[in-house]
C-alpha atoms as a PDB file:
ATOM      1  CA  UNK A   1       8.106   2.619  16.754  1.00  0.00           C
ATOM      2  CA  UNK A   2       5.967   3.769  19.674  1.00  0.00           C
ATOM      3  CA  UNK A   3       4.865   6.865  17.737  1.00  0.00           C
ATOM      4  CA  UNK A   4       3.790   4.735  14.787  1.00  0.00           C
ATOM      5  CA  UNK A   5       1.771   2.429  17.031  1.00  0.00           C
ATOM      6  CA  UNK A   6       0.094   5.373  18.742  1.00  0.00           C
ATOM      7  CA  UNK A   7      -0.685   6.988  15.379  1.00  0.00           C
ATOM      8  CA  UNK A   8      -2.085   3.717  14.046  1.00  0.00           C
ATOM      9  CA  UNK A   9      -4.249   3.206  17.104  1.00  0.00           C
ATOM     10  CA  UNK A  10      -5.459   6.809  16.992  1.00  0.00           C
ATOM     11  CA  UNK A  11      -6.410   6.532  13.337  1.00  0.00           C
ATOM     12  CA  UNK A  12      -8.167   3.219  13.937  1.00  0.00           C
ATOM     13  CA  UNK A  13     -10.193   4.598  16.824  1.00  0.00           C
ATOM     14  CA  UNK A  14     -11.090   7.816  15.049  1.00  0.00           C
ATOM     15  CA  UNK A  15     -11.907   6.075  11.794  1.00  0.00           C
ATOM     16  CA  UNK A  16     -14.578   4.018  13.470  1.00  0.00           C
ATOM     17  CA  UNK A  17     -16.140   7.186  14.843  1.00  0.00           C
ATOM     18  CA  UNK A  18     -15.704   9.233  11.656  1.00  0.00           C
ATOM     19  CA  UNK A  19     -18.785   9.814   9.519  1.00  0.00           C
ATOM     20  CA  UNK A  20     -18.996   7.857   6.301  1.00  0.00           C
ATOM     21  CA  UNK A  21     -19.221  10.978   4.153  1.00  0.00           C
ATOM     22  CA  UNK A  22     -16.460  10.127   1.736  1.00  0.00           C
ATOM     23  CA  UNK A  23     -17.852   6.873   0.357  1.00  0.00           C
ATOM     24  CA  UNK A  24     -14.342   5.422   0.029  1.00  0.00           C
ATOM     25  CA  UNK A  25     -13.329   7.718  -2.831  1.00  0.00           C
ATOM     26  CA  UNK A  26      -9.630   7.546  -1.967  1.00  0.00           C
ATOM     27  CA  UNK A  27      -9.651   3.778  -1.520  1.00  0.00           C
ATOM     28  CA  UNK A  28     -11.387   3.229  -4.855  1.00  0.00           C
ATOM     29  CA  UNK A  29      -9.020   5.613  -6.638  1.00  0.00           C
ATOM     30  CA  UNK A  30      -6.036   3.901  -5.014  1.00  0.00           C
ATOM     31  CA  UNK A  31      -7.193   0.451  -6.062  1.00  0.00           C
ATOM     32  CA  UNK A  32      -7.892   1.493  -9.652  1.00  0.00           C
ATOM     33  CA  UNK A  33      -4.620   3.387  -9.994  1.00  0.00           C
ATOM     34  CA  UNK A  34      -1.945   2.433 -12.517  1.00  0.00           C
ATOM     35  CA  UNK A  35       0.456   2.038  -9.590  1.00  0.00           C
ATOM     36  CA  UNK A  36       0.196  -1.326  -7.856  1.00  0.00           C
ATOM     37  CA  UNK A  37      -1.163  -1.101  -4.305  1.00  0.00           C
ATOM     38  CA  UNK A  38      -2.623  -3.777  -2.092  1.00  0.00           C
ATOM     39  CA  UNK A  39      -6.219  -3.652  -0.975  1.00  0.00           C
ATOM     40  CA  UNK A  40      -5.078  -3.374   2.644  1.00  0.00           C
ATOM     41  CA  UNK A  41      -2.813  -0.407   1.860  1.00  0.00           C
ATOM     42  CA  UNK A  42      -5.606   1.402   0.018  1.00  0.00           C
ATOM     43  CA  UNK A  43      -8.014   0.698   2.896  1.00  0.00           C
ATOM     44  CA  UNK A  44      -5.495   2.055   5.393  1.00  0.00           C
ATOM     45  CA  UNK A  45      -5.017   5.222   3.347  1.00  0.00           C
ATOM     46  CA  UNK A  46      -8.802   5.646   3.249  1.00  0.00           C
ATOM     47  CA  UNK A  47      -9.012   5.312   7.036  1.00  0.00           C
ATOM     48  CA  UNK A  48      -6.452   8.076   7.445  1.00  0.00           C
ATOM     49  CA  UNK A  49      -8.326  10.198   4.900  1.00  0.00           C
ATOM     50  CA  UNK A  50     -11.564   9.742   6.850  1.00  0.00           C
ATOM     51  CA  UNK A  51      -9.890  11.258   9.884  1.00  0.00           C
ATOM     52  CA  UNK A  52      -7.816  13.965   8.206  1.00  0.00           C
ATOM     53  CA  UNK A  53      -9.796  15.154   5.180  1.00  0.00           C
ATOM     54  CA  UNK A  54     -13.328  16.406   4.618  1.00  0.00           C
ATOM     55  CA  UNK A  55     -15.501  14.767   1.996  1.00  0.00           C
ATOM     56  CA  UNK A  56     -14.780  17.501  -0.537  1.00  0.00           C
ATOM     57  CA  UNK A  57     -11.038  17.251   0.191  1.00  0.00           C
ATOM     58  CA  UNK A  58     -11.240  13.513  -0.415  1.00  0.00           C
ATOM     59  CA  UNK A  59     -13.052  13.979  -3.708  1.00  0.00           C
ATOM     60  CA  UNK A  60     -10.310  16.318  -4.932  1.00  0.00           C
ATOM     61  CA  UNK A  61      -7.498  14.109  -3.607  1.00  0.00           C
ATOM     62  CA  UNK A  62      -8.994  11.045  -5.304  1.00  0.00           C
ATOM     63  CA  UNK A  63      -8.727  12.840  -8.644  1.00  0.00           C
ATOM     64  CA  UNK A  64      -4.952  13.047  -8.196  1.00  0.00           C
ATOM     65  CA  UNK A  65      -4.644   9.292  -8.733  1.00  0.00           C
ATOM     66  CA  UNK A  66      -5.854   9.624 -12.332  1.00  0.00           C
ATOM     67  CA  UNK A  67      -4.573  13.128 -13.001  1.00  0.00           C
ATOM     68  CA  UNK A  68      -1.201  13.846 -11.345  1.00  0.00           C
ATOM     69  CA  UNK A  69      -1.024  17.135 -13.246  1.00  0.00           C
ATOM     70  CA  UNK A  70      -4.048  18.304 -11.249  1.00  0.00           C
ATOM     71  CA  UNK A  71      -2.063  17.738  -8.064  1.00  0.00           C
ATOM     72  CA  UNK A  72       0.771  19.849  -9.444  1.00  0.00           C
ATOM     73  CA  UNK A  73      -1.625  22.609 -10.515  1.00  0.00           C
ATOM     74  CA  UNK A  74      -3.253  22.573  -7.092  1.00  0.00           C
ATOM     75  CA  UNK A  75       0.088  22.687  -5.300  1.00  0.00           C
ATOM     76  CA  UNK A  76       1.310  25.639  -7.347  1.00  0.00           C
ATOM     77  CA  UNK A  77      -1.931  27.610  -7.254  1.00  0.00           C
ATOM     78  CA  UNK A  78      -2.096  31.068  -5.703  1.00  0.00           C
ATOM     79  CA  UNK A  79      -5.752  30.504  -4.788  1.00  0.00           C
ATOM     80  CA  UNK A  80      -6.106  30.651  -0.983  1.00  0.00           C
ATOM     81  CA  UNK A  81      -8.567  27.740  -0.867  1.00  0.00           C
ATOM     82  CA  UNK A  82      -6.205  25.530  -2.868  1.00  0.00           C
ATOM     83  CA  UNK A  83      -3.275  26.566  -0.678  1.00  0.00           C
ATOM     84  CA  UNK A  84      -5.295  25.667   2.407  1.00  0.00           C
ATOM     85  CA  UNK A  85      -6.305  22.348   0.872  1.00  0.00           C
ATOM     86  CA  UNK A  86      -2.682  21.575  -0.026  1.00  0.00           C
ATOM     87  CA  UNK A  87      -1.589  22.044   3.592  1.00  0.00           C
ATOM     88  CA  UNK A  88      -4.282  19.619   4.749  1.00  0.00           C
ATOM     89  CA  UNK A  89      -3.366  17.211   1.953  1.00  0.00           C
ATOM     90  CA  UNK A  90       0.327  17.270   2.918  1.00  0.00           C
ATOM     91  CA  UNK A  91      -0.559  16.557   6.551  1.00  0.00           C
ATOM     92  CA  UNK A  92      -2.782  13.691   5.386  1.00  0.00           C
ATOM     93  CA  UNK A  93       0.034  12.295   3.237  1.00  0.00           C
ATOM     94  CA  UNK A  94       2.500  12.425   6.112  1.00  0.00           C
ATOM     95  CA  UNK A  95       0.069  10.658   8.448  1.00  0.00           C
ATOM     96  CA  UNK A  96      -0.811   8.041   5.812  1.00  0.00           C
ATOM     97  CA  UNK A  97       2.887   7.390   5.250  1.00  0.00           C
ATOM     98  CA  UNK A  98       3.508   6.970   9.001  1.00  0.00           C
ATOM     99  CA  UNK A  99       0.436   4.853   9.573  1.00  0.00           C
ATOM    100  CA  UNK A 100       0.229   2.743   6.426  1.00  0.00           C
ATOM    101  CA  UNK A 101       3.857   2.458   5.429  1.00  0.00           C
END
């Protein structure tokens, strides 16, 4: 429980200092997804994304909401840039899961 609170506080503090380069791409994709998600959950995921992912990473990740096959293609790619992105994306997903539930 303490780790979750520390992670949440860290994300909250960093999110306020993070640049607004992503324009809420992840949050908008989350809210328009076929899967039901609350506005607060999508906002939380966006806050984590602002800390963990670059703007270009967020643009790619947002596409996964509409095109899950793209996520699979990216994950399985032998391209070094995609492999590097996937590692960052997995770390983002783990932190979003811990922080947002």
